[in-house]
C-alpha atoms as a PDB file:
ATOM      1  CA  MET A   1     109.967 200.784 104.642  1.00  0.00           C
ATOM      2  CA  ARG A   2     106.736 202.516 103.232  1.00  0.00           C
ATOM      3  CA  LYS A   3     108.802 202.280  99.910  1.00  0.00           C
ATOM      4  CA  ILE A   4     109.500 198.325 100.062  1.00  0.00           C
ATOM      5  CA  VAL A   5     105.985 198.090 100.865  1.00  0.00           C
ATOM      6  CA  LEU A   6     104.507 200.305  97.463  1.00  0.00           C
ATOM      7  CA  LEU A   7     106.647 197.778  95.557  1.00  0.00           C
ATOM      8  CA  PHE A   8     104.613 194.952  96.433  1.00  0.00           C
ATOM      9  CA  ALA A   9     101.605 196.500  95.228  1.00  0.00           C
ATOM     10  CA  ALA A  10     102.689 197.706  92.414  1.00  0.00           C
ATOM     11  CA  ILE A  11     103.740 194.113  90.567  1.00  0.00           C
ATOM     12  CA  CYS A  12     100.383 191.912  89.170  1.00  0.00           C
ATOM     13  CA  CYS A  13      98.785 195.087  88.372  1.00  0.00           C
ATOM     14  CA  CYS A  14      97.724 194.371  84.695  1.00  0.00           C
ATOM     15  CA  ALA A  15      94.885 191.258  83.897  1.00  0.00           C
ATOM     16  CA  VAL A  16      95.858 188.739  81.626  1.00  0.00           C
ATOM     17  CA  MET A  17      92.831 187.922  79.254  1.00  0.00           C
ATOM     18  CA  ASN A  18      92.200 184.367  79.846  1.00  0.00           C
ATOM     19  CA  ALA A  19      94.716 183.548  82.302  1.00  0.00           C
ATOM     20  CA  GLU A  20      95.348 183.395  85.873  1.00  0.00           C
ATOM     21  CA  THR A  21      97.373 185.859  87.068  1.00  0.00           C
ATOM     22  CA  TYR A  22      99.456 184.965  90.064  1.00  0.00           C
ATOM     23  CA  GLY A  23     101.241 186.878  92.606  1.00  0.00           C
ATOM     24  CA  LEU A  24     105.032 186.809  90.851  1.00  0.00           C
ATOM     25  CA  ASN A  25     107.285 188.664  88.775  1.00  0.00           C
ATOM     26  CA  VAL A  26     110.005 187.196  86.862  1.00  0.00           C
ATOM     27  CA  GLY A  27     112.545 189.102  84.783  1.00  0.00           C
ATOM     28  CA  GLY A  28     110.336 191.217  84.473  1.00  0.00           C
ATOM     29  CA  VAL A  29     107.437 188.766  83.081  1.00  0.00           C
ATOM     30  CA  GLN A  30     103.923 188.717  85.200  1.00  0.00           C
ATOM     31  CA  VAL A  31     103.840 185.155  85.526  1.00  0.00           C
ATOM     32  CA  THR A  32     100.342 183.070  84.699  1.00  0.00           C
ATOM     33  CA  SER A  33      98.751 179.820  83.857  1.00  0.00           C
ATOM     34  CA  GLU A  34      99.284 180.563  80.391  1.00  0.00           C
ATOM     35  CA  ASN A  35     103.520 180.909  80.837  1.00  0.00           C
ATOM     36  CA  ALA A  36     104.287 179.595  84.272  1.00  0.00           C
ATOM     37  CA  ALA A  37     105.580 176.260  82.709  1.00  0.00           C
ATOM     38  CA  ASP A  38     107.708 178.071  80.918  1.00  0.00           C
ATOM     39  CA  ILE A  39     108.751 181.334  81.647  1.00  0.00           C
ATOM     40  CA  PHE A  40     111.310 182.972  79.333  1.00  0.00           C
ATOM     41  CA  GLY A  41     110.405 179.803  76.332  1.00  0.00           C
ATOM     42  CA  ASP A  42     113.629 178.578  76.718  1.00  0.00           C
ATOM     43  CA  GLY A  43     113.089 176.159  79.526  1.00  0.00           C
ATOM     44  CA  THR A  44     115.419 177.564  82.076  1.00  0.00           C
ATOM     45  CA  VAL A  45     112.483 179.133  84.824  1.00  0.00           C
ATOM     46  CA  SER A  46     108.975 177.651  85.958  1.00  0.00           C
ATOM     47  CA  TYR A  47     106.294 177.855  88.333  1.00  0.00           C
ATOM     48  CA  ASP A  48     104.366 175.129  89.912  1.00  0.00           C
ATOM     49  CA  ALA A  49     101.566 177.725  91.188  1.00  0.00           C
ATOM     50  CA  THR A  50     100.380 174.412  93.768  1.00  0.00           C
ATOM     51  CA  LYS A  51     103.710 173.881  95.697  1.00  0.00           C
ATOM     52  CA  ASN A  52     104.408 177.614  95.491  1.00  0.00           C
ATOM     53  CA  GLN A  53     107.890 177.235  93.866  1.00  0.00           C
ATOM     54  CA  LEU A  54     109.818 177.969  91.386  1.00  0.00           C
ATOM     55  CA  THR A  55     112.501 176.376  89.833  1.00  0.00           C
ATOM     56  CA  LEU A  56     115.973 177.673  88.107  1.00  0.00           C
ATOM     57  CA  ASN A  57     117.482 175.329  85.779  1.00  0.00           C
ATOM     58  CA  ASN A  58     120.779 177.283  84.381  1.00  0.00           C
ATOM     59  CA  ALA A  59     118.752 179.992  84.126  1.00  0.00           C
ATOM     60  CA  TYR A  60     119.750 183.926  83.464  1.00  0.00           C
ATOM     61  CA  ILE A  61     117.357 186.567  85.175  1.00  0.00           C
ATOM     62  CA  SER A  62     118.593 189.855  83.919  1.00  0.00           C
ATOM     63  CA  VAL A  63     116.877 192.894  84.631  1.00  0.00           C
ATOM     64  CA  ASP A  64     117.442 197.016  84.993  1.00  0.00           C
ATOM     65  CA  TYR A  65     115.508 198.109  87.612  1.00  0.00           C
ATOM     66  CA  THR A  66     112.893 200.359  86.585  1.00  0.00           C
ATOM     67  CA  THR A  67     109.224 201.713  87.262  1.00  0.00           C
ATOM     68  CA  ASN A  68     107.626 198.153  85.984  1.00  0.00           C
ATOM     69  CA  ASN A  69     111.069 195.892  86.868  1.00  0.00           C
ATOM     70  CA  LYS A  70     111.334 195.752  90.620  1.00  0.00           C
ATOM     71  CA  GLY A  71     113.231 193.169  90.834  1.00  0.00           C
ATOM     72  CA  ALA A  72     114.373 190.092  89.108  1.00  0.00           C
ATOM     73  CA  ILE A  73     112.410 188.099  91.132  1.00  0.00           C
ATOM     74  CA  VAL A  74     109.135 189.338  93.256  1.00  0.00           C
ATOM     75  CA  ALA A  75     106.447 187.507  95.152  1.00  0.00           C
ATOM     76  CA  THR A  76     103.353 188.377  96.660  1.00  0.00           C
ATOM     77  CA  GLY A  77     103.563 185.577  99.340  1.00  0.00           C
ATOM     78  CA  ALA A  78     105.775 182.827 100.198  1.00  0.00           C
ATOM     79  CA  LEU A  79     108.077 181.674  97.820  1.00  0.00           C
ATOM     80  CA  ASP A  80     110.439 178.476  97.773  1.00  0.00           C
ATOM     81  CA  ILE A  81     113.409 178.734  94.809  1.00  0.00           C
ATOM     82  CA  VAL A  82     114.780 175.272  93.839  1.00  0.00           C
ATOM     83  CA  LEU A  83     117.921 175.241  91.727  1.00  0.00           C
ATOM     84  CA  LYS A  84     118.999 172.924  89.238  1.00  0.00           C
ATOM     85  CA  GLY A  85     121.863 172.424  86.466  1.00  0.00           C
ATOM     86  CA  THR A  86     125.250 174.009  86.898  1.00  0.00           C
ATOM     87  CA  SER A  87     124.799 177.669  86.399  1.00  0.00           C
ATOM     88  CA  ASN A  88     122.617 180.380  87.827  1.00  0.00           C
ATOM     89  CA  ARG A  89     121.984 183.304  87.334  1.00  0.00           C
ATOM     90  CA  VAL A  90     120.243 186.760  89.129  1.00  0.00           C
ATOM     91  CA  THR A  91     121.694 189.981  87.579  1.00  0.00           C
ATOM     92  CA  VAL A  92     119.835 193.606  88.654  1.00  0.00           C
ATOM     93  CA  SER A  93     121.505 196.642  87.323  1.00  0.00           C
ATOM     94  CA  ASN A  94     120.626 200.699  88.555  1.00  0.00           C
ATOM     95  CA  MET A  95     118.817 199.246  91.554  1.00  0.00           C
ATOM     96  CA  PRO A  96     118.038 201.950  94.829  1.00  0.00           C
ATOM     97  CA  GLU A  97     118.557 201.417  97.936  1.00  0.00           C
ATOM     98  CA  TYR A  98     115.305 200.342  99.258  1.00  0.00           C
ATOM     99  CA  SER A  99     114.654 197.422  96.617  1.00  0.00           C
ATOM    100  CA  ALA A 100     116.155 193.716  96.158  1.00  0.00           C
ATOM    101  CA  ALA A 101     117.212 191.462  93.661  1.00  0.00           C
ATOM    102  CA  ILE A 102     114.935 188.738  95.298  1.00  0.00           C
ATOM    103  CA  MET A 103     112.226 189.796  97.708  1.00  0.00           C
ATOM    104  CA  THR A 104     109.438 188.025  98.945  1.00  0.00           C
ATOM    105  CA  ALA A 105     106.215 189.510 100.821  1.00  0.00           C
ATOM    106  CA  GLY A 106     106.715 185.648 103.027  1.00  0.00           C
ATOM    107  CA  THR A 107     109.123 183.126 103.619  1.00  0.00           C
ATOM    108  CA  LEU A 108     111.753 182.747 101.078  1.00  0.00           C
ATOM    109  CA  THR A 109     113.753 179.079 100.780  1.00  0.00           C
ATOM    110  CA  ILE A 110     116.168 178.585  98.208  1.00  0.00           C
ATOM    111  CA  MET A 111     117.015 174.893  98.093  1.00  0.00           C
ATOM    112  CA  GLY A 112     118.680 172.326  95.874  1.00  0.00           C
ATOM    113  CA  ASP A 113     116.674 169.531  93.466  1.00  0.00           C
ATOM    114  CA  ALA A 114     116.358 166.905  96.059  1.00  0.00           C
ATOM    115  CA  ASN A 115     118.237 164.432  94.074  1.00  0.00           C
ATOM    116  CA  ALA A 116     120.735 166.544  93.515  1.00  0.00           C
ATOM    117  CA  SER A 117     124.157 164.318  92.908  1.00  0.00           C
ATOM    118  CA  SER A 118     126.203 167.920  92.945  1.00  0.00           C
ATOM    119  CA  VAL A 119     126.196 171.691  94.818  1.00  0.00           C
ATOM    120  CA  ILE A 120     124.253 173.841  92.379  1.00  0.00           C
ATOM    121  CA  PRO A 121     125.299 177.457  92.096  1.00  0.00           C
ATOM    122  CA  LEU A 122     123.336 180.847  92.635  1.00  0.00           C
ATOM    123  CA  GLN A 123     125.415 184.159  91.844  1.00  0.00           C
ATOM    124  CA  ILE A 124     123.207 187.120  92.465  1.00  0.00           C
ATOM    125  CA  PHE A 125     124.677 190.760  91.213  1.00  0.00           C
ATOM    126  CA  CYS A 126     122.316 193.474  93.111  1.00  0.00           C
ATOM    127  CA  SER A 127     124.336 196.893  92.414  1.00  0.00           C
ATOM    128  CA  ASN A 128     123.365 198.871  95.129  1.00  0.00           C
ATOM    129  CA  GLY A 129     119.782 196.778  96.519  1.00  0.00           C
ATOM    130  CA  CYS A 130     119.799 193.900  98.888  1.00  0.00           C
ATOM    131  CA  ALA A 131     120.287 190.705  97.138  1.00  0.00           C
ATOM    132  CA  LEU A 132     117.352 188.157  99.168  1.00  0.00           C
ATOM    133  CA  TYR A 133     114.635 190.286 101.380  1.00  0.00           C
ATOM    134  CA  ALA A 134     111.310 188.927 102.780  1.00  0.00           C
ATOM    135  CA  LEU A 135     108.746 191.054 103.975  1.00  0.00           C
ATOM    136  CA  SER A 136     107.914 188.518 106.998  1.00  0.00           C
ATOM    137  CA  GLY A 137     109.038 185.208 107.677  1.00  0.00           C
ATOM    138  CA  ASP A 138     112.595 183.382 107.466  1.00  0.00           C
ATOM    139  CA  ILE A 139     115.239 183.847 104.848  1.00  0.00           C
ATOM    140  CA  MET A 140     116.229 179.702 104.113  1.00  0.00           C
ATOM    141  CA  VAL A 141     119.481 178.758 102.067  1.00  0.00           C
ATOM    142  CA  ILE A 142     119.409 174.981 102.446  1.00  0.00           C
ATOM    143  CA  ASN A 143     120.833 171.753 100.728  1.00  0.00           C
ATOM    144  CA  GLN A 144     123.217 171.109  98.253  1.00  0.00           C
ATOM    145  CA  VAL A 145     123.269 174.999  96.596  1.00  0.00           C
ATOM    146  CA  SER A 146     125.996 177.743  96.452  1.00  0.00           C
ATOM    147  CA  VAL A 147     124.985 180.820  97.144  1.00  0.00           C
ATOM    148  CA  ASP A 148     127.465 183.909  95.805  1.00  0.00           C
ATOM    149  CA  ILE A 149     126.413 187.542  96.961  1.00  0.00           C
ATOM    150  CA  MET A 150     128.314 189.848  94.945  1.00  0.00           C
ATOM    151  CA  GLY A 151     127.441 194.314  95.223  1.00  0.00           C
ATOM    152  CA  ALA A 152     125.180 194.734  98.023  1.00  0.00           C
ATOM    153  CA  SER A 153     125.407 198.527  98.720  1.00  0.00           C
ATOM    154  CA  PRO A 154     127.209 198.540 102.246  1.00  0.00           C
ATOM    155  CA  SER A 155     125.368 201.871 103.315  1.00  0.00           C
ATOM    156  CA  ASN A 156     121.979 199.910 102.460  1.00  0.00           C
ATOM    157  CA  GLU A 157     119.806 199.356 105.577  1.00  0.00           C
ATOM    158  CA  LEU A 158     118.237 196.382 104.187  1.00  0.00           C
ATOM    159  CA  GLY A 159     122.025 195.138 104.335  1.00  0.00           C
ATOM    160  CA  CYS A 160     122.645 191.924 101.962  1.00  0.00           C
ATOM    161  CA  VAL A 161     120.244 189.830 103.659  1.00  0.00           C
ATOM    162  CA  LYS A 162     117.123 191.316 105.285  1.00  0.00           C
ATOM    163  CA  ALA A 163     114.015 189.746 106.904  1.00  0.00           C
ATOM    164  CA  MET A 164     112.108 191.548 108.451  1.00  0.00           C
ATOM    165  CA  SER A 165     110.141 189.263 111.041  1.00  0.00           C
ATOM    166  CA  GLY A 166     112.334 185.967 110.835  1.00  0.00           C
ATOM    167  CA  GLN A 167     115.402 184.452 110.521  1.00  0.00           C
ATOM    168  CA  PHE A 168     118.485 184.022 108.645  1.00  0.00           C
ATOM    169  CA  ILE A 169     118.485 180.342 108.603  1.00  0.00           C
ATOM    170  CA  ILE A 170     121.646 178.436 106.573  1.00  0.00           C
ATOM    171  CA  ASP A 171     121.006 174.698 106.670  1.00  0.00           C
ATOM    172  CA  GLY A 172     124.292 172.367 104.553  1.00  0.00           C
ATOM    173  CA  ALA A 173     124.578 175.469 102.212  1.00  0.00           C
ATOM    174  CA  ASP A 174     126.931 177.181 100.871  1.00  0.00           C
ATOM    175  CA  VAL A 175     126.929 180.946 101.292  1.00  0.00           C
ATOM    176  CA  SER A 176     129.456 183.932 100.344  1.00  0.00           C
ATOM    177  CA  MET A 177     128.347 187.670 100.662  1.00  0.00           C
ATOM    178  CA  THR A 178     130.486 190.585  99.355  1.00  0.00           C
ATOM    179  CA  PRO A 179     129.742 192.600 101.244  1.00  0.00           C
ATOM    180  CA  CYS A 180     128.739 190.633 104.658  1.00  0.00           C
ATOM    181  CA  ARG A 181     125.408 192.465 106.022  1.00  0.00           C
ATOM    182  CA  ILE A 182     122.874 190.384 107.798  1.00  0.00           C
ATOM    183  CA  ARG A 183     119.934 192.066 109.199  1.00  0.00           C
ATOM    184  CA  ALA A 184     117.832 189.913 110.598  1.00  0.00           C
ATOM    185  CA  ASN A 185     115.792 188.709 113.647  1.00  0.00           C
ATOM    186  CA  GLY A 186     118.890 186.105 114.075  1.00  0.00           C
ATOM    187  CA  THR A 187     121.347 183.856 112.203  1.00  0.00           C
ATOM    188  CA  THR A 188     121.272 180.333 112.466  1.00  0.00           C
ATOM    189  CA  MET A 189     123.731 177.862 110.626  1.00  0.00           C
ATOM    190  CA  ARG A 190     123.457 173.754 111.031  1.00  0.00           C
ATOM    191  CA  PHE A 191     125.332 171.413 109.206  1.00  0.00           C
ATOM    192  CA  CYS A 192     128.036 174.466 107.873  1.00  0.00           C
ATOM    193  CA  GLU A 193     130.325 176.957 109.079  1.00  0.00           C
ATOM    194  CA  ILE A 194     132.403 180.256 108.608  1.00  0.00           C
ATOM    195  CA  ALA A 195     135.388 179.322 106.494  1.00  0.00           C
ATOM    196  CA  SER A 196     137.099 182.745 105.979  1.00  0.00           C
ATOM    197  CA  PRO A 197     137.689 185.208 107.094  1.00  0.00           C
ATOM    198  CA  SER A 198     139.379 182.667 110.007  1.00  0.00           C
ATOM    199  CA  ASP A 199     138.575 185.460 112.995  1.00  0.00           C
ATOM    200  CA  ALA A 200     134.923 186.068 111.888  1.00  0.00           C
ATOM    201  CA  MET A 201     132.195 184.968 114.303  1.00  0.00           C
ATOM    202  CA  LEU A 202     128.225 185.358 114.829  1.00  0.00           C
ATOM    203  CA  ASP A 203     127.051 188.275 117.537  1.00  0.00           C
ATOM    204  CA  ALA A 204     123.496 187.451 119.353  1.00  0.00           C
ATOM    205  CA  ASP A 205     121.889 190.020 116.745  1.00  0.00           C
ATOM    206  CA  GLY A 206     122.906 187.934 113.804  1.00  0.00           C
ATOM    207  CA  ARG A 207     125.586 189.982 112.058  1.00  0.00           C
ATOM    208  CA  ILE A 208     129.021 188.204 110.968  1.00  0.00           C
ATOM    209  CA  ILE A 209     131.393 190.351 112.979  1.00  0.00           C
ATOM    210  CA  ARG A 210     135.243 190.550 113.579  1.00  0.00           C
ATOM    211  CA  LYS A 211     135.940 188.598 116.612  1.00  0.00           C
ATOM    212  CA  GLY A 212     137.111 191.009 119.669  1.00  0.00           C
ATOM    213  CA  THR A 213     135.061 193.884 118.196  1.00  0.00           C
ATOM    214  CA  THR A 214     131.559 194.709 117.345  1.00  0.00           C
ATOM    215  CA  THR A 215     132.620 195.959 113.571  1.00  0.00           C
ATOM    216  CA  GLU A 216     131.513 193.926 110.362  1.00  0.00           C
ATOM    217  CA  TYR A 217     133.760 193.692 107.666  1.00  0.00           C
ATOM    218  CA  GLY A 218     134.692 196.414 105.186  1.00  0.00           C
ATOM    219  CA  ASN A 219     132.634 196.588 102.185  1.00  0.00           C
ATOM    220  CA  ASN A 220     135.300 194.801  99.841  1.00  0.00           C
ATOM    221  CA  MET A 221     136.088 191.764 102.171  1.00  0.00           C
ATOM    222  CA  GLN A 222     134.170 188.308 100.950  1.00  0.00           C
ATOM    223  CA  VAL A 223     132.256 186.020 103.763  1.00  0.00           C
ATOM    224  CA  VAL A 224     132.394 182.343 103.217  1.00  0.00           C
ATOM    225  CA  ILE A 225     130.467 180.056 104.927  1.00  0.00           C
ATOM    226  CA  THR A 226     130.988 176.562 104.178  1.00  0.00           C
ATOM    227  CA  SER A 227     128.613 173.385 104.293  1.00  0.00           C
ATOM    228  CA  LEU A 228     129.792 170.496 106.144  1.00  0.00           C
ATOM    229  CA  MET A 229     127.483 168.023 104.226  1.00  0.00           C
ATOM    230  CA  ARG A 230     129.130 165.436 101.686  1.00  0.00           C
ATOM    231  CA  LYS A 231     128.377 163.159  99.068  1.00  0.00           C
ATOM    232  CA  VAL A 232     128.687 159.755 100.451  1.00  0.00           C
ATOM    233  CA  ILE A 233     128.829 157.277  97.476  1.00  0.00           C
ATOM    234  CA  TYR A 234     128.227 153.404  98.510  1.00  0.00           C
ATOM    235  CA  GLY A 235     127.957 150.491  96.090  1.00  0.00           C
ATOM    236  CA  VAL A 236     128.672 146.960  95.591  1.00  0.00           C
ATOM    237  CA  THR A 237     130.639 144.591  93.552  1.00  0.00           C
ATOM    238  CA  PRO A 238     130.028 142.935  91.578  1.00  0.00           C
ATOM    239  CA  ARG A 239     126.361 145.154  90.878  1.00  0.00           C
ATOM    240  CA  HIS A 240     123.169 143.517  89.729  1.00  0.00           C
ATOM    241  CA  LYS A 241     123.852 139.532  91.171  1.00  0.00           C
ATOM    242  CA  GLY A 242     121.419 140.169  94.563  1.00  0.00           C
ATOM    243  CA  ASN A 243     124.148 141.630  96.316  1.00  0.00           C
ATOM    244  CA  THR A 244     123.855 144.306  98.522  1.00  0.00           C
ATOM    245  CA  ALA A 245     124.855 147.419 100.766  1.00  0.00           C
ATOM    246  CA  LYS A 246     123.342 149.848 102.707  1.00  0.00           C
ATOM    247  CA  ILE A 247     123.835 152.892 105.374  1.00  0.00           C
ATOM    248  CA  ASP A 248     121.827 152.487 108.412  1.00  0.00           C
ATOM    249  CA  ASP A 249     118.585 152.292 107.314  1.00  0.00           C
ATOM    250  CA  TYR A 250     118.646 153.907 104.178  1.00  0.00           C
ATOM    251  CA  ILE A 251     117.742 152.365 100.582  1.00  0.00           C
ATOM    252  CA  PRO A 252     120.076 149.021  99.919  1.00  0.00           C
ATOM    253  CA  THR A 253     121.359 149.299  96.687  1.00  0.00           C
ATOM    254  CA  GLU A 254     122.464 146.276  94.408  1.00  0.00           C
ATOM    255  CA  SER A 255     124.337 148.720  92.050  1.00  0.00           C
ATOM    256  CA  GLN A 256     125.665 152.107  93.601  1.00  0.00           C
ATOM    257  CA  LEU A 257     123.568 154.994  95.889  1.00  0.00           C
ATOM    258  CA  PHE A 258     124.441 158.062  97.384  1.00  0.00           C
ATOM    259  CA  ARG A 259     123.648 160.388 100.323  1.00  0.00           C
ATOM    260  CA  TRP A 260     124.415 163.741 101.883  1.00  0.00           C
ATOM    261  CA  LEU A 261     125.680 163.237 105.334  1.00  0.00           C
ATOM    262  CA  PRO A 262     127.480 165.607 107.718  1.00  0.00           C
ATOM    263  CA  ILE A 263     131.105 165.314 108.053  1.00  0.00           C
ATOM    264  CA  GLY A 264     132.386 163.392 111.504  1.00  0.00           C
ATOM    265  CA  ASP A 265     129.029 161.457 112.162  1.00  0.00           C
ATOM    266  CA  THR A 266     129.468 157.596 112.362  1.00  0.00           C
ATOM    267  CA  TYR A 267     127.164 154.976 109.977  1.00  0.00           C
ATOM    268  CA  THR A 268     126.774 151.281 110.213  1.00  0.00           C
ATOM    269  CA  LEU A 269     127.633 149.944 106.953  1.00  0.00           C
ATOM    270  CA  THR A 270     125.796 146.333 106.114  1.00  0.00           C
ATOM    271  CA  ALA A 271     126.155 143.976 103.567  1.00  0.00           C
ATOM    272  CA  SER A 272     123.940 141.518 102.712  1.00  0.00           C
ATOM    273  CA  PRO A 273     125.309 138.533 100.130  1.00  0.00           C
ATOM    274  CA  ALA A 274     122.978 136.913  97.483  1.00  0.00           C
ATOM    275  CA  GLU A 275     122.206 132.980  97.461  1.00  0.00           C
ATOM    276  CA  GLY A 276     125.836 131.705  96.508  1.00  0.00           C
ATOM    277  CA  TYR A 277     128.048 134.960  97.191  1.00  0.00           C
ATOM    278  CA  GLU A 278     129.597 135.576 100.654  1.00  0.00           C
ATOM    279  CA  PHE A 279     130.882 138.826 101.849  1.00  0.00           C
ATOM    280  CA  VAL A 280     134.442 139.659 101.245  1.00  0.00           C
ATOM    281  CA  ALA A 281     135.372 142.836 102.839  1.00  0.00           C
ATOM    282  CA  TRP A 282     134.415 146.742 102.305  1.00  0.00           C
ATOM    283  CA  TYR A 283     136.929 149.167 100.210  1.00  0.00           C
ATOM    284  CA  GLN A 284     137.165 153.314  99.907  1.00  0.00           C
ATOM    285  CA  VAL A 285     138.397 155.237  97.082  1.00  0.00           C
ATOM    286  CA  ASP A 286     140.113 158.520  97.977  1.00  0.00           C
ATOM    287  CA  SER A 287     139.986 161.238  96.660  1.00  0.00           C
ATOM    288  CA  GLU A 288     143.172 160.552  93.949  1.00  0.00           C
ATOM    289  CA  ASN A 289     141.224 157.437  93.237  1.00  0.00           C
ATOM    290  CA  GLN A 290     143.242 155.087  94.935  1.00  0.00           C
ATOM    291  CA  THR A 291     141.861 151.901  96.555  1.00  0.00           C
ATOM    292  CA  THR A 292     142.456 150.638 100.087  1.00  0.00           C
ATOM    293  CA  LEU A 293     140.888 148.284 102.270  1.00  0.00           C
ATOM    294  CA  LEU A 294     138.337 149.444 104.935  1.00  0.00           C
ATOM    295  CA  GLY A 295     137.833 146.288 107.247  1.00  0.00           C
ATOM    296  CA  LYS A 296     136.476 142.867 106.523  1.00  0.00           C
ATOM    297  CA  ASP A 297     133.845 143.576 109.271  1.00  0.00           C
ATOM    298  CA  ASN A 298     130.292 143.232 108.577  1.00  0.00           C
ATOM    299  CA  PRO A 299     128.384 145.607 109.556  1.00  0.00           C
ATOM    300  CA  ILE A 300     131.387 148.289 109.932  1.00  0.00           C
ATOM    301  CA  SER A 301     131.425 151.336 111.040  1.00  0.00           C
ATOM    302  CA  TYR A 302     132.186 154.321 108.875  1.00  0.00           C
ATOM    303  CA  THR A 303     132.623 158.089 109.802  1.00  0.00           C
ATOM    304  CA  ILE A 304     131.981 161.132 107.082  1.00  0.00           C
ATOM    305  CA  LEU A 305     135.334 162.557 106.074  1.00  0.00           C
ATOM    306  CA  PRO A 306     136.020 165.713 104.527  1.00  0.00           C
ATOM    307  CA  THR A 307     137.064 164.289 101.527  1.00  0.00           C
ATOM    308  CA  SER A 308     136.047 161.559  99.193  1.00  0.00           C
ATOM    309  CA  ASN A 309     133.793 159.438 100.539  1.00  0.00           C
ATOM    310  CA  ILE A 310     133.429 156.343  98.446  1.00  0.00           C
ATOM    311  CA  VAL A 311     132.762 152.977  99.870  1.00  0.00           C
ATOM    312  CA  TYR A 312     131.698 149.606  98.186  1.00  0.00           C
ATOM    313  CA  ALA A 313     130.961 145.783  99.079  1.00  0.00           C
ATOM    314  CA  GLN A 314     133.263 143.903  97.686  1.00  0.00           C
ATOM    315  CA  PHE A 315     131.538 139.970  96.979  1.00  0.00           C
ATOM    316  CA  GLU A 316     132.690 136.474  95.601  1.00  0.00           C
ATOM    317  CA  GLU A 317     130.975 133.846  94.347  1.00  0.00           C
ATOM    318  CA  ALA A 318     130.870 131.010  97.533  1.00  0.00           C
ATOM    319  CA  GLU A 319     132.997 127.430  96.459  1.00  0.00           C
ATOM    320  CA  PRO A 320     130.723 124.470  96.148  1.00  0.00           C
ATOM    321  CA  ASP A 321     129.961 122.230  98.661  1.00  0.00           C
ATOM    322  CA  PRO A 322     131.458 118.776  97.273  1.00  0.00           C
ATOM    323  CA  GLU A 323     128.199 116.892  99.125  1.00  0.00           C
ATOM    324  CA  GLU A 324     125.431 119.624  98.016  1.00  0.00           C
ATOM    325  CA  GLY A 325     122.420 118.071  96.290  1.00  0.00           C
ATOM    326  CA  ILE A 326     123.260 114.365  97.928  1.00  0.00           C
ATOM    327  CA  GLU A 327     120.875 113.469 100.432  1.00  0.00           C
ATOM    328  CA  GLU A 328     121.578 110.947 102.830  1.00  0.00           C
ATOM    329  CA  VAL A 329     118.795 108.360 101.971  1.00  0.00           C
ATOM    330  CA  GLU A 330     117.269 106.658 105.107  1.00  0.00           C
ATOM    331  CA  SER A 331     115.237 103.573 104.360  1.00  0.00           C
ATOM    332  CA  GLY A 332     113.698 102.053 107.895  1.00  0.00           C
ATOM    333  CA  LYS A 333     116.403 100.940 110.134  1.00  0.00           C
ATOM    334  CA  TRP A 334     119.366 101.561 107.824  1.00  0.00           C
ATOM    335  CA  LYS A 335     121.051 104.626 106.446  1.00  0.00           C
ATOM    336  CA  VAL A 336     122.999 104.540 103.011  1.00  0.00           C
ATOM    337  CA  GLU A 337     126.778 105.017 103.638  1.00  0.00           C
ATOM    338  CA  SER A 338     128.836 107.260 101.227  1.00  0.00           C
ATOM    339  CA  TYR A 339     132.621 107.830 100.527  1.00  0.00           C
ATOM    340  CA  LYS A 340     134.936 109.832  98.749  1.00  0.00           C
ATOM    341  CA  PHE A 341     137.775 108.990  96.558  1.00  0.00           C
ATOM    342  CA  ILE A 342     140.116 110.294  94.282  1.00  0.00           C
ATOM    343  CA  LYS A 343     140.711 109.304  90.941  1.00  0.00           C
ATOM    344  CA  ASP A 344     142.962 110.719  87.954  1.00  0.00           C
ATOM    345  CA  GLY A 345     143.011 113.430  90.526  1.00  0.00           C
ATOM    346  CA  VAL A 346     139.385 114.233  90.555  1.00  0.00           C
ATOM    347  CA  LEU A 347     136.897 113.712  93.458  1.00  0.00           C
ATOM    348  CA  TYR A 348     134.346 111.140  93.137  1.00  0.00           C
ATOM    349  CA  ILE A 349     131.767 110.282  96.476  1.00  0.00           C
ATOM    350  CA  GLU A 350     130.323 107.222  95.555  1.00  0.00           C
ATOM    351  CA  ARG A 351     126.274 106.745  97.241  1.00  0.00           C
ATOM    352  CA  ASN A 352     123.895 103.952  97.164  1.00  0.00           C
ATOM    353  CA  GLY A 353     125.739 102.377  94.312  1.00  0.00           C
ATOM    354  CA  LYS A 354     126.073 105.472  92.525  1.00  0.00           C
ATOM    355  CA  ILE A 355     128.835 107.348  91.800  1.00  0.00           C
ATOM    356  CA  TYR A 356     128.459 111.685  91.780  1.00  0.00           C
ATOM    357  CA  ASN A 357     131.159 114.081  90.849  1.00  0.00           C
ATOM    358  CA  ALA A 358     131.927 117.061  93.545  1.00  0.00           C
ATOM    359  CA  VAL A 359     129.212 119.652  92.374  1.00  0.00           C
ATOM    360  CA  GLY A 360     126.385 116.365  92.874  1.00  0.00           C
ATOM    361  CA  THR A 361     125.812 115.616  89.308  1.00  0.00           C
ATOM    362  CA  GLU A 362     125.533 111.145  88.591  1.00  0.00           C
ATOM    363  CA  VAL A 363     128.851 110.338  86.640  1.00  0.00           C
ATOM    364  CA  LYS A 364     127.298 107.560  84.071  1.00  0.00           C
END
């Protein structure tokens, strides 16, 4: 424990002239007010000190553990790591057992971009050390991310994930660990489940063990936790005509939007036609891009599926009212009568001595 505390005291030891020094070191680079917007100079890593937020956007952070480089990401307080892009990787080689690839003195949160349309990955290679370590507070992996941890030492008392005074919380995210060693004051899983091995379970101490035993899995066994959240795409056809569709009370759209929602939950789809249009039906598109009728009720209930969740409301232009635009004129006690007749296969309406076509335009 003493060794871990000393690591935090060792970072941020150098003053940077004319720049504010932050309590954060990334890939051996001390983060300051001068380099925070683009830490590596390649647009892949940035830090917002006002939000205490580190953003990785297709980042590759690789360090060799030395006296100066205590880990790939080391923070003297709490830290939020936001993932963007399609590939993020953290690698620390030659790590001693009392060390970590990502280390914070406070709560550590790894999350997806709020507007992410797909699951964002993060791979962590940590040789003999711990992957995620928080001296105080929780370690949280939330919101459409996939964290794949490889190489933690099975004999390391810090384990693969270590929260000294908090929980390990996985909320709507994918997490895999090889080997799987959780050391925390409990493990909480929300909107996710253990997918493999099939006989895996959480014990009272927050460890993942083989069911019917008190034993964690072997050093080469990968434990996979998968999210139960699915992207639901909803929209209308035709688009941008004033017709809208929405899920429950979420934002309605004249085109197409998406929400991340849990498998098995049921929501209400509501379609609202624009003037001159009428609702026809709801349709859904399966994983093979085949379209089928969902139903003609409006609103309609929809249950989130494990596979494809693409639904849209179909609208069509309403048939014109033959008498629309022709008022019934009242004069004194007498009302002007009208009658319809067909001539040469065309419908006409005579009113007050004038003749109109079916859409209300006077025929001269």
